[in-house]
Protein backbone atom coordinates (compact mmCIF):
# COMPACT_ATOMS: atom_id res chain seq x y z
CA UNK A 1 -8.15 19.74 -73.71
CA UNK A 2 -9.74 16.47 -74.52
CA UNK A 3 -13.08 16.79 -76.38
CA UNK A 4 -15.99 15.25 -74.41
CA UNK A 5 -18.01 12.77 -75.98
CA UNK A 6 -21.58 13.75 -76.57
CA UNK A 7 -23.25 10.54 -77.60
CA UNK A 8 -23.26 7.21 -75.59
CA UNK A 9 -22.62 4.38 -78.03
CA UNK A 10 -24.21 6.45 -80.95
CA UNK A 11 -27.41 7.60 -78.73
CA UNK A 12 -28.30 11.03 -77.57
CA UNK A 13 -27.79 11.22 -73.58
CA UNK A 14 -31.39 12.06 -72.97
CA UNK A 15 -32.57 9.08 -74.84
CA UNK A 16 -30.09 6.89 -73.09
CA UNK A 17 -31.28 8.15 -69.79
CA UNK A 18 -34.59 6.78 -70.82
CA UNK A 19 -33.05 3.40 -71.44
CA UNK A 20 -31.48 3.51 -67.85
CA UNK A 21 -34.81 4.42 -66.51
CA UNK A 22 -36.41 1.60 -68.50
CA UNK A 23 -33.92 -1.06 -67.26
CA UNK A 24 -34.34 -0.30 -63.55
CA UNK A 25 -38.01 -0.05 -63.89
CA UNK A 26 -37.97 -3.38 -65.60
CA UNK A 27 -35.85 -4.86 -62.51
CA UNK A 28 -38.37 -3.27 -60.00
CA UNK A 29 -41.06 -5.38 -61.39
CA UNK A 30 -38.97 -8.24 -61.87
CA UNK A 31 -38.55 -8.45 -58.08
CA UNK A 32 -42.24 -9.09 -57.76
CA UNK A 33 -42.78 -10.99 -60.93
CA UNK A 34 -39.85 -13.25 -61.80
CA UNK A 35 -41.57 -14.38 -64.83
CA UNK A 36 -40.80 -11.16 -66.48
CA UNK A 37 -37.16 -12.06 -66.58
CA UNK A 38 -36.14 -13.45 -69.92
CA UNK A 39 -33.15 -15.55 -69.68
CA UNK A 40 -31.36 -13.86 -72.66
CA UNK A 41 -32.87 -10.36 -73.50
CA UNK A 42 -33.32 -9.09 -69.97
CA UNK A 43 -29.65 -9.65 -68.66
CA UNK A 44 -28.27 -8.46 -72.18
CA UNK A 45 -30.10 -5.23 -71.92
CA UNK A 46 -29.08 -4.76 -68.44
CA UNK A 47 -25.36 -5.10 -68.93
CA UNK A 48 -25.26 -3.16 -72.51
CA UNK A 49 -26.92 -0.26 -70.86
CA UNK A 50 -24.76 -0.17 -67.70
CA UNK A 51 -21.63 -0.95 -69.72
CA UNK A 52 -21.88 1.79 -72.35
CA UNK A 53 -23.20 4.35 -69.81
CA UNK A 54 -20.42 3.61 -67.20
CA UNK A 55 -17.69 3.67 -69.81
CA UNK A 56 -19.04 7.04 -71.17
CA UNK A 57 -18.85 8.51 -67.66
CA UNK A 58 -15.11 7.10 -67.10
CA UNK A 59 -13.98 8.15 -70.62
CA UNK A 60 -14.99 11.80 -69.90
CA UNK A 61 -13.14 12.17 -66.84
CA UNK A 62 -9.81 13.89 -67.64
CA UNK A 63 -6.60 12.28 -66.53
CA UNK A 64 -8.35 9.24 -64.94
CA UNK A 65 -9.85 8.16 -68.33
CA UNK A 66 -6.26 7.30 -69.21
CA UNK A 67 -5.86 4.97 -66.10
CA UNK A 68 -8.80 2.82 -67.22
CA UNK A 69 -11.44 4.53 -65.13
CA UNK A 70 -14.22 3.53 -67.51
CA UNK A 71 -13.21 -0.31 -67.20
CA UNK A 72 -13.14 0.13 -63.51
CA UNK A 73 -16.56 1.72 -63.10
CA UNK A 74 -17.94 -1.21 -65.18
CA UNK A 75 -16.73 -3.50 -62.53
CA UNK A 76 -16.99 -1.57 -59.22
CA UNK A 77 -20.31 0.19 -59.70
CA UNK A 78 -22.55 -2.81 -60.65
CA UNK A 79 -20.88 -4.82 -57.70
CA UNK A 80 -21.59 -1.97 -55.26
CA UNK A 81 -25.19 -1.63 -56.46
CA UNK A 82 -25.72 -5.45 -55.52
CA UNK A 83 -24.11 -4.95 -52.39
CA UNK A 84 -26.36 -1.89 -51.57
CA UNK A 85 -29.57 -3.74 -52.76
CA UNK A 86 -30.02 -1.29 -55.51
CA UNK A 87 -30.02 -4.27 -57.82
CA UNK A 88 -31.60 -7.13 -55.94
CA UNK A 89 -29.29 -9.90 -54.75
CA UNK A 90 -31.88 -12.48 -56.19
CA UNK A 91 -31.46 -10.85 -59.81
CA UNK A 92 -27.73 -10.95 -59.57
CA UNK A 93 -27.82 -14.67 -58.60
CA UNK A 94 -30.19 -15.19 -61.62
CA UNK A 95 -27.83 -13.31 -63.83
CA UNK A 96 -24.89 -15.29 -62.56
CA UNK A 97 -26.28 -18.86 -62.73
CA UNK A 98 -28.68 -18.68 -65.80
CA UNK A 99 -26.83 -16.13 -68.02
CA UNK A 100 -23.30 -15.03 -67.18
CA UNK A 101 -21.49 -18.31 -65.74
CA UNK A 102 -22.08 -21.73 -65.72
CA UNK A 103 -23.76 -23.04 -62.54
CA UNK A 104 -21.78 -25.08 -60.00
CA UNK A 105 -24.45 -27.79 -59.95
CA UNK A 106 -25.73 -29.74 -62.92
CA UNK A 107 -29.19 -29.79 -61.27
CA UNK A 108 -29.24 -26.06 -61.68
CA UNK A 109 -29.19 -26.56 -65.36
CA UNK A 110 -26.29 -25.44 -67.76
CA UNK A 111 -27.05 -21.79 -68.13
CA UNK A 112 -26.03 -19.76 -71.10
CA UNK A 113 -22.55 -18.84 -69.76
CA UNK A 114 -22.21 -15.71 -71.87
CA UNK A 115 -18.77 -15.05 -70.47
CA UNK A 116 -17.48 -18.04 -71.95
CA UNK A 117 -19.49 -17.26 -75.40
CA UNK A 118 -17.82 -13.93 -75.28
CA UNK A 119 -14.17 -14.97 -74.35
CA UNK A 120 -14.09 -17.99 -76.95
CA UNK A 121 -14.95 -15.77 -79.72
CA UNK A 122 -12.50 -12.73 -78.64
CA UNK A 123 -9.65 -15.32 -78.25
CA UNK A 124 -10.35 -17.13 -81.39
CA UNK A 125 -10.17 -13.87 -83.49
CA UNK A 126 -7.16 -12.86 -81.56
CA UNK A 127 -5.21 -16.08 -81.84
CA UNK A 128 -5.85 -16.60 -85.59
CA UNK A 129 -4.36 -13.09 -86.25
CA UNK A 130 -1.04 -13.94 -85.00
CA UNK A 131 2.06 -14.42 -87.34
CA UNK A 132 3.11 -18.10 -86.87
CA UNK A 133 6.85 -17.49 -87.39
CA UNK A 134 6.96 -14.74 -84.90
CA UNK A 135 5.20 -17.30 -82.33
CA UNK A 136 7.79 -19.85 -83.00
CA UNK A 137 10.59 -17.43 -82.43
CA UNK A 138 9.12 -15.77 -79.37
CA UNK A 139 6.82 -17.81 -77.35
CA UNK A 140 9.41 -19.98 -75.43
CA UNK A 141 11.44 -16.90 -74.43
CA UNK A 142 8.08 -15.12 -73.13
CA UNK A 143 7.16 -18.17 -71.08
CA UNK A 144 10.54 -18.27 -69.60
CA UNK A 145 10.64 -14.74 -68.74
CA UNK A 146 7.14 -14.81 -67.30
CA UNK A 147 8.02 -17.94 -64.92
CA UNK A 148 11.08 -16.31 -63.75
CA UNK A 149 9.18 -13.13 -62.61
CA UNK A 150 6.30 -15.06 -61.17
CA UNK A 151 8.43 -17.43 -59.11
CA UNK A 152 10.52 -14.38 -57.70
CA UNK A 153 7.12 -12.52 -56.91
CA UNK A 154 5.74 -15.64 -55.20
CA UNK A 155 8.76 -15.83 -52.85
CA UNK A 156 8.66 -12.05 -52.25
CA UNK A 157 4.91 -12.32 -51.02
CA UNK A 158 6.21 -15.19 -48.61
CA UNK A 159 8.91 -12.75 -47.22
CA UNK A 160 6.45 -9.82 -46.94
CA UNK A 161 3.95 -12.24 -45.19
CA UNK A 162 6.91 -13.34 -42.73
CA UNK A 163 8.09 -9.78 -42.14
CA UNK A 164 4.59 -8.48 -41.26
CA UNK A 165 3.50 -11.61 -39.52
CA UNK A 166 0.54 -12.64 -41.94
CA UNK A 167 -2.03 -14.71 -40.33
CA UNK A 168 -4.07 -17.00 -42.58
CA UNK A 169 -7.84 -17.11 -42.46
CA UNK A 170 -9.41 -18.73 -39.44
CA UNK A 171 -10.61 -21.95 -41.42
CA UNK A 172 -6.82 -22.69 -42.13
CA UNK A 173 -5.16 -21.81 -38.66
CA UNK A 174 -5.27 -25.40 -37.26
CA UNK A 175 -2.65 -26.38 -40.06
CA UNK A 176 -0.78 -23.21 -40.34
CA UNK A 177 2.83 -23.56 -41.26
CA UNK A 178 3.80 -20.10 -40.39
CA UNK A 179 3.46 -16.63 -42.08
CA UNK A 180 5.93 -17.52 -44.92
CA UNK A 181 4.39 -20.58 -46.25
CA UNK A 182 0.68 -19.33 -45.54
CA UNK A 183 1.40 -16.31 -47.34
CA UNK A 184 2.36 -18.31 -50.40
CA UNK A 185 -0.27 -20.89 -50.41
CA UNK A 186 -3.07 -18.69 -49.36
CA UNK A 187 -2.39 -15.58 -51.32
CA UNK A 188 0.35 -16.08 -53.89
CA UNK A 189 -0.63 -19.32 -55.21
CA UNK A 190 -4.30 -18.37 -55.75
CA UNK A 191 -3.22 -15.45 -57.74
CA UNK A 192 -1.18 -17.37 -60.27
CA UNK A 193 -2.45 -21.10 -60.33
CA UNK A 194 -4.79 -20.84 -63.22
CA UNK A 195 -7.69 -18.93 -62.30
CA UNK A 196 -11.15 -19.51 -61.05
CA UNK A 197 -11.77 -22.93 -62.91
CA UNK A 198 -8.62 -24.52 -62.85
CA UNK A 199 -6.87 -23.11 -59.70
CA UNK A 200 -9.66 -21.88 -57.31
CA UNK A 201 -12.01 -24.65 -57.98
CA UNK A 202 -9.38 -27.27 -58.41
CA UNK A 203 -7.87 -26.46 -55.04
CA UNK A 204 -11.31 -26.03 -53.22
CA UNK A 205 -12.62 -29.27 -54.38
CA UNK A 206 -9.15 -31.02 -54.20
CA UNK A 207 -5.89 -30.69 -52.12
CA UNK A 208 -7.17 -27.82 -49.91
CA UNK A 209 -10.39 -29.83 -49.19
CA UNK A 210 -8.39 -32.93 -48.34
CA UNK A 211 -6.18 -30.99 -45.92
CA UNK A 212 -9.13 -28.86 -44.43
CA UNK A 213 -11.79 -31.60 -44.11
CA UNK A 214 -13.80 -29.68 -41.48
CA UNK A 215 -14.16 -26.62 -43.87
CA UNK A 216 -16.77 -26.54 -46.71
CA UNK A 217 -15.91 -26.08 -50.29
CA UNK A 218 -17.64 -22.73 -50.46
CA UNK A 219 -15.79 -21.35 -47.46
CA UNK A 220 -12.38 -22.20 -48.86
CA UNK A 221 -13.15 -21.00 -52.19
CA UNK A 222 -14.58 -17.78 -50.95
CA UNK A 223 -11.23 -17.17 -48.81
CA UNK A 224 -8.79 -17.88 -51.52
CA UNK A 225 -10.76 -16.11 -54.29
CA UNK A 226 -10.97 -12.70 -52.61
CA UNK A 227 -7.20 -11.55 -53.26
CA UNK A 228 -7.72 -12.55 -56.78
CA UNK A 229 -10.64 -10.48 -57.22
CA UNK A 230 -8.71 -7.71 -55.82
CA UNK A 231 -5.80 -8.40 -58.30
CA UNK A 232 -8.07 -8.43 -61.24
CA UNK A 233 -9.18 -4.78 -60.35
CA UNK A 234 -5.74 -3.59 -59.70
CA UNK A 235 -4.36 -5.13 -62.68
CA UNK A 236 -6.39 -2.58 -64.83
CA UNK A 237 -5.32 0.18 -63.15
CA UNK A 238 -1.62 -0.73 -63.39
CA UNK A 239 -2.28 -1.31 -67.24
CA UNK A 240 -3.67 2.03 -67.39
CA UNK A 241 -0.71 3.52 -65.41
CA UNK A 242 1.84 1.68 -67.67
CA UNK A 243 0.11 2.95 -70.83
CA UNK A 244 -0.06 6.53 -69.56
CA UNK A 245 3.79 6.52 -68.45
CA UNK A 246 5.31 4.72 -71.32
CA UNK A 247 3.17 4.77 -74.47
CA UNK A 248 4.88 6.48 -77.27
CA UNK A 249 8.31 6.28 -75.50
CA UNK A 250 11.51 4.23 -76.25
CA UNK A 251 10.09 1.64 -74.12
CA UNK A 252 7.11 0.75 -76.27
CA UNK A 253 6.09 -0.12 -79.81
CA UNK A 254 2.49 0.26 -81.32
CA UNK A 255 2.81 -2.79 -83.60
CA UNK A 256 5.66 -5.01 -82.06
CA UNK A 257 6.21 -7.29 -79.16
CA UNK A 258 10.01 -7.73 -79.96
CA UNK A 259 12.46 -6.81 -82.81
CA UNK A 260 11.87 -10.09 -84.82
CA UNK A 261 8.70 -9.44 -87.13
CA UNK A 262 5.55 -7.47 -87.03
CA UNK A 263 2.33 -9.33 -85.76
CA UNK A 264 -0.19 -9.86 -88.50
CA UNK A 265 -3.20 -7.81 -87.54
CA UNK A 266 -3.21 -5.11 -90.12
CA UNK A 267 -3.68 -7.30 -93.19
CA UNK A 268 -7.03 -8.60 -91.61
CA UNK A 269 -8.13 -5.13 -90.43
CA UNK A 270 -7.88 -3.83 -94.06
CA UNK A 271 -10.09 -6.58 -95.45
CA UNK A 272 -13.63 -5.20 -96.18
CA UNK A 273 -16.35 -6.36 -93.60
CA UNK A 274 -18.94 -8.59 -94.97
CA UNK A 275 -22.15 -9.46 -92.90
CA UNK A 276 -21.91 -13.33 -93.76
CA UNK A 277 -18.41 -13.32 -92.44
CA UNK A 278 -19.72 -12.83 -88.74
CA UNK A 279 -22.05 -15.69 -89.32
CA UNK A 280 -19.19 -18.01 -90.71
CA UNK A 281 -16.95 -16.88 -87.80
CA UNK A 282 -19.66 -18.04 -85.34
CA UNK A 283 -20.01 -21.23 -86.94
CA UNK A 284 -16.27 -21.96 -86.82
CA UNK A 285 -16.15 -20.80 -83.09
CA UNK A 286 -19.09 -23.14 -82.32
CA UNK A 287 -17.22 -26.02 -83.88
CA UNK A 288 -14.24 -25.33 -82.06
CA UNK A 289 -16.03 -25.25 -78.86
CA UNK A 290 -17.85 -28.63 -79.51
CA UNK A 291 -14.53 -30.33 -80.33
CA UNK A 292 -12.88 -28.72 -77.25
CA UNK A 293 -15.75 -29.82 -74.83
CA UNK A 294 -15.55 -33.34 -76.08
CA UNK A 295 -11.90 -33.46 -75.46
CA UNK A 296 -12.14 -31.99 -71.96
CA UNK A 297 -14.83 -34.40 -71.09
CA UNK A 298 -12.74 -37.41 -72.29
CA UNK A 299 -9.86 -36.15 -70.42
CA UNK A 300 -12.06 -35.77 -67.26
CA UNK A 301 -13.41 -39.38 -67.62
CA UNK A 302 -10.27 -41.04 -68.35
CA UNK A 303 -7.52 -39.30 -66.13
CA UNK A 304 -9.67 -37.06 -63.73
CA UNK A 305 -7.99 -34.07 -65.16
CA UNK A 306 -10.20 -31.12 -66.49
CA UNK A 307 -9.05 -27.88 -67.67
CA UNK A 308 -11.11 -24.71 -69.04
CA UNK A 309 -12.29 -25.48 -72.43
CA UNK A 310 -10.58 -22.34 -73.66
CA UNK A 311 -7.29 -23.95 -73.10
CA UNK A 312 -8.31 -26.54 -75.71
CA UNK A 313 -9.59 -23.90 -78.20
CA UNK A 314 -6.23 -22.14 -77.90
CA UNK A 315 -4.43 -25.49 -78.49
CA UNK A 316 -6.47 -26.34 -81.61
CA UNK A 317 -6.28 -22.85 -83.21
CA UNK A 318 -2.46 -23.04 -82.62
CA UNK A 319 -2.34 -26.40 -84.31
CA UNK A 320 -4.55 -25.03 -87.30
CA UNK A 321 -2.12 -22.13 -87.47
CA UNK A 322 1.10 -24.21 -87.43
CA UNK A 323 0.17 -26.55 -89.93
CA UNK A 324 -1.52 -24.03 -92.12
CA UNK A 325 -5.07 -25.84 -91.79
CA UNK A 326 -7.33 -22.96 -92.23
CA UNK A 327 -7.47 -20.80 -95.16
CA UNK A 328 -7.02 -16.92 -95.18
CA UNK A 329 -10.69 -16.37 -95.84
CA UNK A 330 -11.87 -18.40 -92.81
CA UNK A 331 -9.17 -16.72 -90.71
CA UNK A 332 -10.48 -13.28 -91.63
CA UNK A 333 -13.98 -14.39 -90.89
CA UNK A 334 -12.80 -15.34 -87.28
CA UNK A 335 -10.88 -12.19 -86.99
CA UNK A 336 -13.74 -10.00 -87.83
CA UNK A 337 -16.23 -11.85 -85.69
CA UNK A 338 -13.93 -11.21 -82.67
CA UNK A 339 -13.72 -7.85 -83.57
CA UNK A 340 -17.51 -7.52 -83.82
CA UNK A 341 -17.78 -8.87 -80.20
CA UNK A 342 -15.05 -6.70 -78.81
CA UNK A 343 -16.54 -3.44 -80.10
CA UNK A 344 -20.20 -4.48 -78.89
CA UNK A 345 -19.62 -6.51 -75.82
CA UNK A 346 -16.33 -5.33 -74.10
CA UNK A 347 -17.89 -3.18 -71.60
CA UNK A 348 -21.20 -5.21 -71.19
CA UNK A 349 -19.00 -8.09 -70.42
CA UNK A 350 -17.08 -6.17 -67.60
CA UNK A 351 -20.41 -5.20 -66.09
CA UNK A 352 -21.26 -8.82 -65.91
CA UNK A 353 -18.14 -9.31 -64.18
CA UNK A 354 -19.02 -6.68 -61.69
CA UNK A 355 -22.50 -8.05 -61.25
CA UNK A 356 -20.84 -11.35 -60.16
CA UNK A 357 -18.14 -9.97 -58.23
CA UNK A 358 -18.86 -9.96 -54.30
CA UNK A 359 -18.27 -6.36 -53.20
CA UNK A 360 -17.80 -7.34 -49.46
CA UNK A 361 -15.06 -9.85 -50.32
CA UNK A 362 -13.19 -7.11 -52.46
CA UNK A 363 -13.62 -4.42 -49.59
CA UNK A 364 -12.46 -7.02 -47.05
CA UNK A 365 -9.06 -7.47 -49.01
CA UNK A 366 -8.61 -3.68 -49.45
CA UNK A 367 -9.03 -3.04 -45.88
CA UNK A 368 -6.55 -5.84 -44.91
CA UNK A 369 -3.37 -3.87 -45.11
CA UNK A 370 -1.30 -6.98 -45.43
CA UNK A 371 -2.99 -8.75 -48.19
CA UNK A 372 -3.46 -5.38 -50.04
CA UNK A 373 0.32 -4.69 -49.78
CA UNK A 374 1.31 -8.14 -50.91
CA UNK A 375 -0.91 -7.90 -53.89
CA UNK A 376 0.28 -4.53 -54.77
CA UNK A 377 4.06 -5.55 -54.30
CA UNK A 378 3.40 -8.74 -56.17
CA UNK A 379 2.14 -7.04 -59.24
CA UNK A 380 4.89 -4.26 -59.04
CA UNK A 381 7.51 -7.11 -58.69
CA UNK A 382 6.56 -8.87 -61.92
CA UNK A 383 5.99 -5.67 -63.75
CA UNK A 384 9.59 -4.08 -62.71
CA UNK A 385 11.46 -7.51 -63.28
CA UNK A 386 9.90 -7.88 -66.74
CA UNK A 387 10.52 -4.49 -67.69
CA UNK A 388 14.18 -4.74 -66.76
CA UNK A 389 14.92 -8.13 -68.25
CA UNK A 390 12.68 -7.71 -71.26
CA UNK A 391 15.62 -6.16 -73.24
CA UNK A 392 17.80 -9.40 -72.77
CA UNK A 393 15.00 -11.43 -74.50
CA UNK A 394 14.79 -8.90 -77.14
CA UNK A 395 11.18 -7.66 -76.21
CA UNK A 396 10.03 -4.10 -75.82
CA UNK A 397 9.49 -3.38 -72.12
CA UNK A 398 5.92 -2.06 -71.95
CA UNK A 399 4.45 -4.65 -74.09
CA UNK A 400 6.25 -7.57 -72.10
CA UNK A 401 5.38 -5.87 -68.95
CA UNK A 402 1.57 -6.02 -69.87
CA UNK A 403 1.92 -9.84 -70.98
CA UNK A 404 4.43 -11.33 -68.48
CA UNK A 405 4.17 -8.73 -65.70
CA UNK A 406 0.21 -8.61 -65.52
CA UNK A 407 -1.53 -11.08 -67.58
CA UNK A 408 0.72 -13.89 -66.02
CA UNK A 409 -1.63 -13.58 -62.99
CA UNK A 410 -4.77 -15.57 -63.33
CA UNK A 411 -7.04 -12.46 -63.74
CA UNK A 412 -9.10 -14.42 -66.29
CA UNK A 413 -9.87 -13.92 -69.86
CA UNK A 414 -11.96 -10.88 -69.47
CA UNK A 415 -9.21 -9.27 -67.34
CA UNK A 416 -6.66 -9.93 -69.99
CA UNK A 417 -8.99 -8.34 -72.57
CA UNK A 418 -9.42 -5.16 -70.21
CA UNK A 419 -5.75 -4.95 -69.82
CA UNK A 420 -5.15 -4.94 -73.49
CA UNK A 421 -7.86 -2.75 -74.47
CA UNK A 422 -6.90 0.06 -71.84
CA UNK A 423 -3.28 -0.07 -73.14
CA UNK A 424 -4.58 -0.03 -76.73
CA UNK A 425 -2.72 -3.24 -77.57
CA UNK A 426 -5.38 -5.72 -78.35
CA UNK A 427 -2.86 -7.39 -80.78
CA UNK A 428 -1.09 -8.71 -77.91
CA UNK A 429 -4.08 -10.57 -76.52
CA UNK A 430 -3.26 -13.91 -77.84
CA UNK A 431 0.10 -13.86 -75.88
CA UNK A 432 -1.51 -12.92 -73.00
CA UNK A 433 -3.93 -15.75 -73.18
CA UNK A 434 -1.21 -18.19 -73.81
CA UNK A 435 0.99 -16.96 -70.95
CA UNK A 436 -1.94 -16.86 -68.54
CA UNK A 437 -2.85 -20.56 -69.18
CA UNK A 438 0.71 -21.79 -69.41
CA UNK A 439 1.83 -20.20 -66.16
CA UNK A 440 -1.38 -21.25 -64.33
CA UNK A 441 -0.84 -24.86 -65.20
CA UNK A 442 2.90 -24.77 -64.14
CA UNK A 443 2.20 -23.00 -60.69
CA UNK A 444 -1.00 -25.45 -60.27
CA UNK A 445 1.26 -28.45 -60.59
CA UNK A 446 3.99 -27.18 -58.42
CA UNK A 447 1.62 -26.11 -55.77
CA UNK A 448 -0.24 -29.63 -56.09
CA UNK A 449 3.21 -31.22 -55.32
CA UNK A 450 4.60 -29.17 -52.53
CA UNK A 451 1.47 -28.11 -50.60
CA UNK A 452 0.60 -31.81 -49.42
CA UNK A 453 4.06 -32.30 -48.40
CA UNK A 454 3.94 -29.18 -46.19
CA UNK A 455 0.37 -29.16 -44.80
CA UNK A 456 -0.45 -33.05 -44.63
CA UNK A 457 2.44 -33.83 -42.29
């Protein structure tokens, strides 16, 4: 029988209950006096307390803890609390705009954007731990395997929509092209076209807005974002299920993706931690972000093409790895900084995702049997296809199913991190990040070409 954890992140449960009371007491007074809201300390306190507490609950419920219950609770419970008004909606909006995400409008200020801060540090620490020879030998095969599975999955969603006579949302009905194509472009493509920044925002402000001129950007975005929110939640569940069924079997390996070479993680993890390493790692991350943001701005100004800054961070890190431009000492600093963020802020970051997830949109998708069926079958299709074909590409089925079967969907960096953590395969995170971005860009380009041909006629 699994031993129940007695402490919550090192604290006695009674003391932690005082912290929970304190945060809700604080939120109650902030409703009446917004000046009590500190832009950094208040939201950080909120997500840390809820994150550690909800994960503690999920980790101590037998069987379900292996399916990622702690991760799911961190997303669903905060979203539900906002939906029911137990956490004021205005506080949720303040948290979203001024702390967790970047505001949509420049007039609202830049915000802290903690989500991006957290993700860039985690990704940098993961990418830098890769063995570059393994990456050279395996990446092209992994991309090809993923692309095959995703394209087949998109077609299957179209077929399911056709069989069950899927009806597109009301704002799109005046240009409908039938259940098959509507299922692909209003369900399948938003799941795979690069996530919220590239795909959802790009299409809502771009080709979808050009076709559906009478609909607002906000309405378009909310409609095509809803299935993706559902996919994020289900992806964590499926990752936990795969781990439960196939971990420590002939279909998995704890340290390998394929048969070529072990991924270099152990070498870093054996290096003693020094406090200054965290500061050095943060300084390197800040430098990477600054360079990437300038490149992104330049591309946006010159060719009107904007990507998530994390894409450029990954690209620069890969160049540094390929050409050996960063010493082992600084690679170790980045790795340890990423590990520090992962241990201390993984579950708080998931709470942040939950507080900014609209529960009514998630419930709407789950109560729509056709959309729910399409999302589930879409995920199952890629997982099963990758699981079957992985041996041909010399990959282990479980590891490749997590990367190419689940993280190929645009579930976001936080979703990728959750998938790898629940399956205890954080060493695969760099591959997941690269695959998510690469496949997202490919689908985005294909959809940008095909959609206007069909829907502008």
